[in-house]
C-alpha atoms as a PDB file:
ATOM      1  CA  ALA A   1     -16.060 -15.931  27.461  1.00  0.00           C
ATOM      2  CA  ASP A   2     -16.702 -18.950  29.642  1.00  0.00           C
ATOM      3  CA  VAL A   3     -15.362 -17.452  32.843  1.00  0.00           C
ATOM      4  CA  ALA A   4     -15.608 -20.704  34.812  1.00  0.00           C
ATOM      5  CA  ASN A   5     -13.290 -22.517  32.422  1.00  0.00           C
ATOM      6  CA  ASN A   6     -11.510 -19.450  31.054  1.00  0.00           C
ATOM      7  CA  LEU A   7     -12.544 -20.442  27.516  1.00  0.00           C
ATOM      8  CA  PRO A   8     -12.905 -17.872  24.740  1.00  0.00           C
ATOM      9  CA  ASP A   9     -16.340 -16.880  23.468  1.00  0.00           C
ATOM     10  CA  ILE A  10     -17.092 -18.529  20.103  1.00  0.00           C
ATOM     11  CA  HIS A  11     -17.912 -15.111  18.633  1.00  0.00           C
ATOM     12  CA  ASP A  12     -14.387 -13.854  19.347  1.00  0.00           C
ATOM     13  CA  THR A  13     -12.916 -15.643  16.335  1.00  0.00           C
ATOM     14  CA  HIS A  14      -9.336 -14.513  16.902  1.00  0.00           C
ATOM     15  CA  ALA A  15      -9.349 -15.604  20.552  1.00  0.00           C
ATOM     16  CA  VAL A  16     -10.837 -18.981  19.599  1.00  0.00           C
ATOM     17  CA  VAL A  17      -8.262 -19.495  16.837  1.00  0.00           C
ATOM     18  CA  ASP A  18      -5.445 -18.668  19.252  1.00  0.00           C
ATOM     19  CA  TYR A  19      -6.930 -21.089  21.788  1.00  0.00           C
ATOM     20  CA  LEU A  20      -7.349 -23.933  19.270  1.00  0.00           C
ATOM     21  CA  ARG A  21      -4.066 -23.514  17.422  1.00  0.00           C
ATOM     22  CA  ASP A  22      -1.988 -25.603  19.860  1.00  0.00           C
ATOM     23  CA  LEU A  23      -4.736 -27.878  21.167  1.00  0.00           C
ATOM     24  CA  HIS A  24      -4.945 -31.520  20.141  1.00  0.00           C
ATOM     25  CA  SER A  25      -7.756 -31.888  17.611  1.00  0.00           C
ATOM     26  CA  ALA A  26      -9.818 -34.099  19.945  1.00  0.00           C
ATOM     27  CA  ASP A  27      -9.675 -31.341  22.577  1.00  0.00           C
ATOM     28  CA  ALA A  28     -10.595 -28.764  19.952  1.00  0.00           C
ATOM     29  CA  ILE A  29     -13.738 -30.737  19.118  1.00  0.00           C
ATOM     30  CA  ALA A  30     -14.590 -31.067  22.805  1.00  0.00           C
ATOM     31  CA  TYR A  31     -14.689 -27.254  22.867  1.00  0.00           C
ATOM     32  CA  LEU A  32     -16.371 -26.735  19.471  1.00  0.00           C
ATOM     33  CA  GLN A  33     -19.023 -29.458  19.544  1.00  0.00           C
ATOM     34  CA  GLU A  34     -21.534 -27.414  21.526  1.00  0.00           C
ATOM     35  CA  TYR A  35     -21.702 -24.721  18.837  1.00  0.00           C
ATOM     36  CA  GLU A  36     -23.587 -24.434  15.554  1.00  0.00           C
ATOM     37  CA  ALA A  37     -21.950 -25.588  12.317  1.00  0.00           C
ATOM     38  CA  GLU A  38     -21.757 -22.013  11.017  1.00  0.00           C
ATOM     39  CA  ASP A  39     -19.778 -20.902  14.072  1.00  0.00           C
ATOM     40  CA  ILE A  40     -17.455 -23.904  13.813  1.00  0.00           C
ATOM     41  CA  ALA A  41     -16.923 -23.264  10.092  1.00  0.00           C
ATOM     42  CA  ARG A  42     -16.102 -19.589  10.709  1.00  0.00           C
ATOM     43  CA  VAL A  43     -13.413 -20.584  13.201  1.00  0.00           C
ATOM     44  CA  LEU A  44     -12.027 -23.459  11.120  1.00  0.00           C
ATOM     45  CA  LEU A  45     -11.587 -21.195   8.108  1.00  0.00           C
ATOM     46  CA  GLU A  46      -9.104 -19.136  10.133  1.00  0.00           C
ATOM     47  CA  LEU A  47      -6.925 -22.152  10.980  1.00  0.00           C
ATOM     48  CA  PRO A  48      -4.303 -23.727   8.706  1.00  0.00           C
ATOM     49  CA  LEU A  49      -5.751 -26.335   6.325  1.00  0.00           C
ATOM     50  CA  ASP A  50      -3.899 -29.228   7.951  1.00  0.00           C
ATOM     51  CA  LYS A  51      -5.341 -28.272  11.361  1.00  0.00           C
ATOM     52  CA  GLN A  52      -8.802 -28.044   9.801  1.00  0.00           C
ATOM     53  CA  ALA A  53      -8.410 -31.557   8.386  1.00  0.00           C
ATOM     54  CA  ASN A  54      -7.228 -32.935  11.723  1.00  0.00           C
ATOM     55  CA  ILE A  55     -10.121 -31.366  13.597  1.00  0.00           C
ATOM     56  CA  ILE A  56     -12.709 -32.599  11.107  1.00  0.00           C
ATOM     57  CA  ASN A  57     -11.434 -36.147  11.622  1.00  0.00           C
ATOM     58  CA  TYR A  58     -12.701 -35.914  15.210  1.00  0.00           C
ATOM     59  CA  ILE A  59     -16.146 -34.550  14.383  1.00  0.00           C
ATOM     60  CA  PRO A  60     -18.875 -37.177  14.869  1.00  0.00           C
ATOM     61  CA  PHE A  61     -20.103 -38.528  11.547  1.00  0.00           C
ATOM     62  CA  ASP A  62     -23.632 -37.212  12.116  1.00  0.00           C
ATOM     63  CA  ASP A  63     -22.333 -33.645  12.356  1.00  0.00           C
ATOM     64  CA  ARG A  64     -19.991 -33.705   9.362  1.00  0.00           C
ATOM     65  CA  LEU A  65     -22.633 -33.111   6.703  1.00  0.00           C
ATOM     66  CA  GLU A  66     -23.883 -29.937   8.354  1.00  0.00           C
ATOM     67  CA  LEU A  67     -20.323 -28.680   8.795  1.00  0.00           C
ATOM     68  CA  GLY A  68     -19.504 -29.575   5.185  1.00  0.00           C
ATOM     69  CA  VAL A  69     -22.437 -27.490   4.003  1.00  0.00           C
ATOM     70  CA  ALA A  70     -21.313 -24.579   6.202  1.00  0.00           C
ATOM     71  CA  LEU A  71     -17.747 -24.788   4.848  1.00  0.00           C
ATOM     72  CA  GLY A  72     -18.832 -25.127   1.225  1.00  0.00           C
ATOM     73  CA  ALA A  73     -18.028 -27.933  -1.196  1.00  0.00           C
ATOM     74  CA  ALA A  74     -14.942 -26.313  -2.735  1.00  0.00           C
ATOM     75  CA  HIS A  75     -13.291 -25.639   0.620  1.00  0.00           C
ATOM     76  CA  LEU A  76     -14.235 -29.046   1.960  1.00  0.00           C
ATOM     77  CA  ALA A  77     -12.585 -30.636  -1.091  1.00  0.00           C
ATOM     78  CA  ARG A  78      -9.337 -28.758  -0.301  1.00  0.00           C
ATOM     79  CA  ILE A  79      -9.445 -30.026   3.287  1.00  0.00           C
ATOM     80  CA  MET A  80     -10.134 -33.585   2.156  1.00  0.00           C
ATOM     81  CA  GLU A  81      -7.029 -33.543  -0.052  1.00  0.00           C
ATOM     82  CA  LEU A  82      -4.972 -33.387   3.151  1.00  0.00           C
ATOM     83  CA  MET A  83      -6.801 -36.251   4.850  1.00  0.00           C
ATOM     84  CA  ALA A  84      -5.631 -39.828   4.884  1.00  0.00           C
ATOM     85  CA  ARG A  85      -7.439 -42.012   2.343  1.00  0.00           C
ATOM     86  CA  ASP A  86      -9.458 -43.829   5.017  1.00  0.00           C
ATOM     87  CA  ASP A  87     -10.567 -40.534   6.515  1.00  0.00           C
ATOM     88  CA  ARG A  88     -11.626 -39.237   3.093  1.00  0.00           C
ATOM     89  CA  VAL A  89     -13.684 -42.376   2.505  1.00  0.00           C
ATOM     90  CA  ASP A  90     -15.319 -41.980   5.921  1.00  0.00           C
ATOM     91  CA  MET A  91     -16.066 -38.349   5.137  1.00  0.00           C
ATOM     92  CA  LEU A  92     -17.888 -39.314   1.952  1.00  0.00           C
ATOM     93  CA  LYS A  93     -20.121 -41.911   3.608  1.00  0.00           C
END
């Protein structure tokens, strides 16, 4: 864990999920952005789909492709169904 900020360690999936569950999605990305796509995907998969969609909306465009690959096309399609049309279009760019 990040003792200085009292943040959970990314490898403690349950602690991270508990931490992210009530955070605003922009704050969730501020925490997640320093980690690898595979770690982010592992955590996202434990969150409700609507929370996953909200968080992905805040991921910088350059990082979305790598995260999409880590999540897998089928799962990413399920997430995108919950996104607003404009966000889906942005995701596909």
